[in-house]
């Protein structure tokens, strides 16, 4: 592992609580972005536990992030869904932002699915589309060597070469579920972008913009985890005066529940 030992030890007590409550046979972990956790079939929820009950785990403070770990069983396959993540703009440390990835590794999951709600920058992508993250631009401006042993390890990482993500794309094609691919830009937030920022992000090659996910990707790479990551495009970032609210993002997520549920269940069932 390339995560500092003190952070592994910090989240071990929480992992022990999860294993005690949910068991050790958990195949997949899903980190659910804004509004995404609500898409799951509640009939398949076996148990749940509040983040407050998990040692050293911070509280969520953003609408659409309920702050619960949910045990979800599909075709006798156990998965854990983290309903809510932690953001840099909430004042969280990098290890707190990456805590759900570390927890997933400690409880022995084989596959990690990282999701988010993002604004679309590509005019060929529409609101409600799913975009698999093929690469990222990191504007979070944190020092990742606070948690990783050597941040230079990530200079040569290529997230395109991911067998799990490739397998899921094949399954989506077979099931005629459309998806996009693109570059995700992570910014600090918690504000939406100005017109000038939108022009800049488009010019440097970003297809979507959000306020999370990149540290979690780095943590997954560092921990040698089998992972994939996708964005639900919940609004279109345009170079015109417009009003965007978090409630609109949540509403778009609700309208995409069926699609998101199908993708998550395909991820869970994929061996």
Protein backbone atom coordinates (compact mmCIF):
# COMPACT_ATOMS: atom_id res chain seq x y z
CA UNK A 1 0.00 0.00 0.00
CA UNK A 2 1.20 3.51 -0.80
CA UNK A 3 -1.11 5.19 1.71
CA UNK A 4 0.61 6.29 4.90
CA UNK A 5 0.30 3.72 7.68
CA UNK A 6 -1.24 6.18 10.15
CA UNK A 7 -4.24 6.68 7.86
CA UNK A 8 -4.73 2.96 7.41
CA UNK A 9 -4.67 2.60 11.19
CA UNK A 10 -7.03 5.58 11.61
CA UNK A 11 -9.84 3.86 9.70
CA UNK A 12 -9.26 0.29 10.90
CA UNK A 13 -11.73 0.65 13.81
CA UNK A 14 -14.46 1.76 11.38
CA UNK A 15 -13.69 -1.21 9.11
CA UNK A 16 -13.99 -3.57 12.08
CA UNK A 17 -17.43 -2.13 12.91
CA UNK A 18 -18.55 -2.58 9.29
CA UNK A 19 -17.35 -6.18 9.18
CA UNK A 20 -19.10 -6.90 12.48
CA UNK A 21 -22.39 -5.39 11.23
CA UNK A 22 -22.29 -6.40 7.56
CA UNK A 23 -19.99 -9.43 7.49
CA UNK A 24 -16.74 -9.86 5.59
CA UNK A 25 -18.16 -11.19 2.32
CA UNK A 26 -18.67 -7.86 0.52
CA UNK A 27 -17.90 -7.95 -3.20
CA UNK A 28 -18.38 -4.35 -4.34
CA UNK A 29 -18.33 -0.87 -2.80
CA UNK A 30 -20.14 2.07 -4.39
CA UNK A 31 -19.38 5.67 -3.43
CA UNK A 32 -22.58 7.48 -4.37
CA UNK A 33 -22.50 11.11 -5.48
CA UNK A 34 -25.24 13.72 -5.05
CA UNK A 35 -28.67 12.07 -5.24
CA UNK A 36 -27.30 8.82 -6.69
CA UNK A 37 -27.76 6.57 -3.65
CA UNK A 38 -31.52 7.12 -3.82
CA UNK A 39 -31.64 5.22 -7.13
CA UNK A 40 -31.06 1.82 -5.52
CA UNK A 41 -33.83 -0.74 -4.98
CA UNK A 42 -34.74 -0.35 -1.29
CA UNK A 43 -36.10 -3.92 -1.24
CA UNK A 44 -32.50 -5.14 -1.57
CA UNK A 45 -31.23 -3.21 1.45
CA UNK A 46 -30.34 -5.70 4.20
CA UNK A 47 -28.89 -3.34 6.81
CA UNK A 48 -27.54 0.17 7.22
CA UNK A 49 -25.36 2.11 9.62
CA UNK A 50 -24.86 5.86 10.07
CA UNK A 51 -21.42 7.32 9.50
CA UNK A 52 -21.70 8.70 13.04
CA UNK A 53 -21.31 5.12 14.30
CA UNK A 54 -18.09 4.51 12.35
CA UNK A 55 -15.00 5.55 14.29
CA UNK A 56 -13.06 8.57 12.92
CA UNK A 57 -15.39 8.99 9.94
CA UNK A 58 -16.55 12.62 9.54
CA UNK A 59 -20.16 13.71 9.06
CA UNK A 60 -21.60 14.66 5.68
CA UNK A 61 -22.92 18.20 5.35
CA UNK A 62 -24.23 18.40 1.78
CA UNK A 63 -27.79 17.84 0.55
CA UNK A 64 -28.11 14.53 -1.31
CA UNK A 65 -25.43 12.90 0.90
CA UNK A 66 -27.30 11.16 3.72
CA UNK A 67 -24.23 9.81 5.51
CA UNK A 68 -25.09 6.11 5.68
CA UNK A 69 -23.34 2.88 4.77
CA UNK A 70 -25.87 0.46 3.29
CA UNK A 71 -25.55 -3.31 2.88
CA UNK A 72 -27.15 -4.13 -0.48
CA UNK A 73 -27.73 -7.71 -1.65
CA UNK A 74 -28.36 -8.53 -5.31
CA UNK A 75 -28.53 -12.15 -6.54
CA UNK A 76 -26.82 -13.25 -3.30
CA UNK A 77 -23.95 -10.82 -3.93
CA UNK A 78 -23.28 -8.46 -1.02
CA UNK A 79 -22.29 -4.87 -1.76
CA UNK A 80 -21.84 -1.78 0.34
CA UNK A 81 -23.16 1.58 -0.80
CA UNK A 82 -21.72 4.69 0.80
CA UNK A 83 -24.54 7.22 0.62
CA UNK A 84 -22.56 10.41 0.84
CA UNK A 85 -18.93 11.45 0.40
CA UNK A 86 -16.67 14.15 1.83
CA UNK A 87 -15.54 17.20 -0.11
CA UNK A 88 -12.52 19.45 0.02
CA UNK A 89 -14.75 22.54 0.22
CA UNK A 90 -16.28 21.21 3.46
CA UNK A 91 -12.90 21.73 5.09
CA UNK A 92 -12.08 18.02 5.07
CA UNK A 93 -8.52 16.75 5.12
CA UNK A 94 -7.29 14.61 2.24
CA UNK A 95 -7.38 11.43 4.32
CA UNK A 96 -11.04 12.18 5.23
CA UNK A 97 -11.87 12.71 1.55
CA UNK A 98 -10.27 9.34 0.76
CA UNK A 99 -11.62 7.57 3.84
CA UNK A 100 -14.36 5.63 2.03
CA UNK A 101 -11.81 4.23 -0.42
CA UNK A 102 -9.52 3.22 2.45
CA UNK A 103 -12.48 1.63 4.26
CA UNK A 104 -13.42 -0.32 1.13
CA UNK A 105 -9.92 -1.72 0.91
CA UNK A 106 -9.84 -2.62 4.63
CA UNK A 107 -13.12 -4.58 4.48
CA UNK A 108 -11.80 -6.56 1.54
CA UNK A 109 -14.02 -5.47 -1.36
CA UNK A 110 -12.88 -6.62 -4.80
CA UNK A 111 -14.46 -3.84 -6.89
CA UNK A 112 -14.92 -0.12 -6.27
CA UNK A 113 -17.40 2.09 -8.13
CA UNK A 114 -16.90 5.85 -7.69
CA UNK A 115 -19.77 8.05 -8.89
CA UNK A 116 -20.53 11.75 -8.91
CA UNK A 117 -22.92 14.37 -10.24
CA UNK A 118 -21.16 16.76 -12.62
CA UNK A 119 -21.80 19.66 -14.95
CA UNK A 120 -21.44 18.95 -18.66
CA UNK A 121 -18.94 21.05 -20.63
CA UNK A 122 -19.12 19.10 -23.88
CA UNK A 123 -21.95 20.33 -26.15
CA UNK A 124 -22.34 16.78 -27.49
CA UNK A 125 -23.22 15.52 -24.00
CA UNK A 126 -26.73 16.04 -22.65
CA UNK A 127 -28.17 16.45 -19.18
CA UNK A 128 -28.91 12.97 -17.82
CA UNK A 129 -26.06 11.29 -19.72
CA UNK A 130 -23.62 8.94 -17.98
CA UNK A 131 -19.97 9.80 -18.65
CA UNK A 132 -17.19 7.37 -17.79
CA UNK A 133 -14.12 9.25 -16.60
CA UNK A 134 -11.23 8.45 -18.96
CA UNK A 135 -8.86 11.04 -17.50
CA UNK A 136 -8.96 13.96 -15.11
CA UNK A 137 -7.68 17.49 -14.53
CA UNK A 138 -6.95 18.20 -10.87
CA UNK A 139 -7.64 21.78 -9.75
CA UNK A 140 -8.14 20.93 -6.08
CA UNK A 141 -4.67 22.26 -5.17
CA UNK A 142 -3.98 20.02 -2.18
CA UNK A 143 -0.70 18.38 -1.30
CA UNK A 144 -1.36 14.71 -1.87
CA UNK A 145 1.91 13.65 -0.24
CA UNK A 146 0.10 14.38 3.03
CA UNK A 147 -1.54 10.97 2.57
CA UNK A 148 0.38 9.26 -0.24
CA UNK A 149 3.99 8.23 0.21
CA UNK A 150 5.09 9.66 -3.11
CA UNK A 151 2.77 11.78 -5.23
CA UNK A 152 5.11 11.26 -8.20
CA UNK A 153 3.69 7.73 -8.43
CA UNK A 154 0.62 9.25 -10.04
CA UNK A 155 2.40 11.11 -12.82
CA UNK A 156 2.60 7.96 -14.94
CA UNK A 157 -0.76 6.41 -14.03
CA UNK A 158 -3.21 6.01 -16.91
CA UNK A 159 -6.77 5.41 -15.75
CA UNK A 160 -7.86 4.36 -19.25
CA UNK A 161 -6.25 0.95 -18.80
CA UNK A 162 -8.81 -0.49 -16.43
CA UNK A 163 -10.21 -3.97 -17.07
CA UNK A 164 -13.21 -3.55 -14.76
CA UNK A 165 -14.33 -0.35 -16.49
CA UNK A 166 -13.81 -1.93 -19.93
CA UNK A 167 -15.94 -4.95 -18.95
CA UNK A 168 -18.77 -2.75 -17.72
CA UNK A 169 -18.78 -0.73 -20.94
CA UNK A 170 -19.14 -3.97 -22.92
CA UNK A 171 -22.07 -5.01 -20.72
CA UNK A 172 -23.76 -1.64 -21.14
CA UNK A 173 -23.42 -1.91 -24.91
CA UNK A 174 -24.93 -5.42 -24.83
CA UNK A 175 -27.83 -4.09 -22.76
CA UNK A 176 -28.26 -1.05 -25.03
CA UNK A 177 -27.55 1.40 -22.22
CA UNK A 178 -25.88 4.47 -23.77
CA UNK A 179 -22.91 6.18 -22.16
CA UNK A 180 -20.33 8.84 -22.90
CA UNK A 181 -16.61 9.04 -22.18
CA UNK A 182 -14.61 12.09 -21.24
CA UNK A 183 -12.26 14.12 -19.08
CA UNK A 184 -13.39 15.23 -15.63
CA UNK A 185 -12.12 18.47 -14.12
CA UNK A 186 -12.12 18.64 -10.32
CA UNK A 187 -12.43 22.13 -8.81
CA UNK A 188 -12.62 23.20 -5.18
CA UNK A 189 -16.11 24.75 -5.19
CA UNK A 190 -18.57 25.03 -3.60
CA UNK A 191 -19.70 27.46 -6.30
CA UNK A 192 -20.72 26.78 -9.88
CA UNK A 193 -18.40 28.03 -12.62
CA UNK A 194 -18.31 31.49 -14.15
CA UNK A 195 -18.62 31.88 -17.93
CA UNK A 196 -14.89 32.59 -18.14
CA UNK A 197 -14.09 29.46 -16.16
CA UNK A 198 -16.32 27.40 -18.43
CA UNK A 199 -14.49 28.73 -21.51
CA UNK A 200 -11.13 27.93 -19.90
CA UNK A 201 -12.14 24.38 -18.89
CA UNK A 202 -13.41 23.63 -22.38
CA UNK A 203 -10.25 24.96 -24.00
CA UNK A 204 -8.02 22.74 -21.88
CA UNK A 205 -10.02 19.64 -22.76
CA UNK A 206 -12.50 19.05 -19.93
CA UNK A 207 -15.83 17.39 -20.78
CA UNK A 208 -17.35 17.68 -17.29
CA UNK A 209 -16.65 19.57 -14.09
CA UNK A 210 -17.29 18.70 -10.46
CA UNK A 211 -15.97 19.10 -6.92
CA UNK A 212 -14.87 15.60 -5.94
CA UNK A 213 -13.68 12.17 -7.11
CA UNK A 214 -10.06 12.81 -8.17
CA UNK A 215 -8.56 12.20 -4.70
CA UNK A 216 -10.62 9.00 -4.49
CA UNK A 217 -9.29 7.87 -7.87
CA UNK A 218 -5.74 8.49 -6.67
CA UNK A 219 -6.42 6.55 -3.48
CA UNK A 220 -7.87 3.62 -5.45
CA UNK A 221 -4.79 3.56 -7.69
CA UNK A 222 -2.52 3.79 -4.67
CA UNK A 223 -4.27 0.84 -3.01
CA UNK A 224 -4.19 -1.24 -6.23
CA UNK A 225 -7.97 -1.49 -6.30
CA UNK A 226 -10.10 -2.71 -9.20
CA UNK A 227 -12.25 0.37 -9.77
CA UNK A 228 -14.28 2.39 -12.23
CA UNK A 229 -15.68 5.89 -12.08
CA UNK A 230 -18.50 7.70 -13.84
CA UNK A 231 -20.37 11.00 -13.70
CA UNK A 232 -24.07 11.62 -14.01
CA UNK A 233 -24.27 14.85 -16.02
CA UNK A 234 -26.89 16.77 -14.09
CA UNK A 235 -26.62 20.21 -15.68
CA UNK A 236 -25.06 21.87 -18.70
CA UNK A 237 -22.39 24.48 -18.00
CA UNK A 238 -23.02 27.19 -20.59
CA UNK A 239 -21.25 30.42 -21.45
CA UNK A 240 -24.42 32.44 -20.89
CA UNK A 241 -25.85 33.98 -17.74
CA UNK A 242 -27.73 31.18 -16.04
CA UNK A 243 -28.88 30.06 -12.62
CA UNK A 244 -27.94 26.59 -11.40
CA UNK A 245 -28.93 25.22 -8.00
CA UNK A 246 -28.06 22.08 -6.07
CA UNK A 247 -31.77 21.20 -5.97
CA UNK A 248 -31.75 21.04 -9.79
CA UNK A 249 -28.82 18.62 -9.63
CA UNK A 250 -30.75 16.39 -7.22
CA UNK A 251 -33.86 16.56 -9.42
CA UNK A 252 -31.90 15.47 -12.51
CA UNK A 253 -30.49 12.56 -10.51
CA UNK A 254 -34.05 11.52 -9.64
CA UNK A 255 -35.01 11.52 -13.32
CA UNK A 256 -32.08 9.20 -14.06
CA UNK A 257 -32.74 6.67 -11.28
CA UNK A 258 -33.61 3.77 -13.60
CA UNK A 259 -30.46 4.18 -15.68
CA UNK A 260 -28.20 4.58 -12.64
CA UNK A 261 -29.71 1.54 -10.92
CA UNK A 262 -29.17 -0.58 -14.03
CA UNK A 263 -25.51 0.45 -14.26
CA UNK A 264 -24.85 -0.13 -10.55
CA UNK A 265 -26.46 -3.57 -10.68
CA UNK A 266 -24.41 -4.50 -13.76
CA UNK A 267 -21.29 -3.43 -11.86
CA UNK A 268 -22.26 -5.58 -8.88
CA UNK A 269 -22.98 -8.68 -10.96
CA UNK A 270 -19.84 -8.41 -13.11
CA UNK A 271 -17.15 -10.93 -12.11
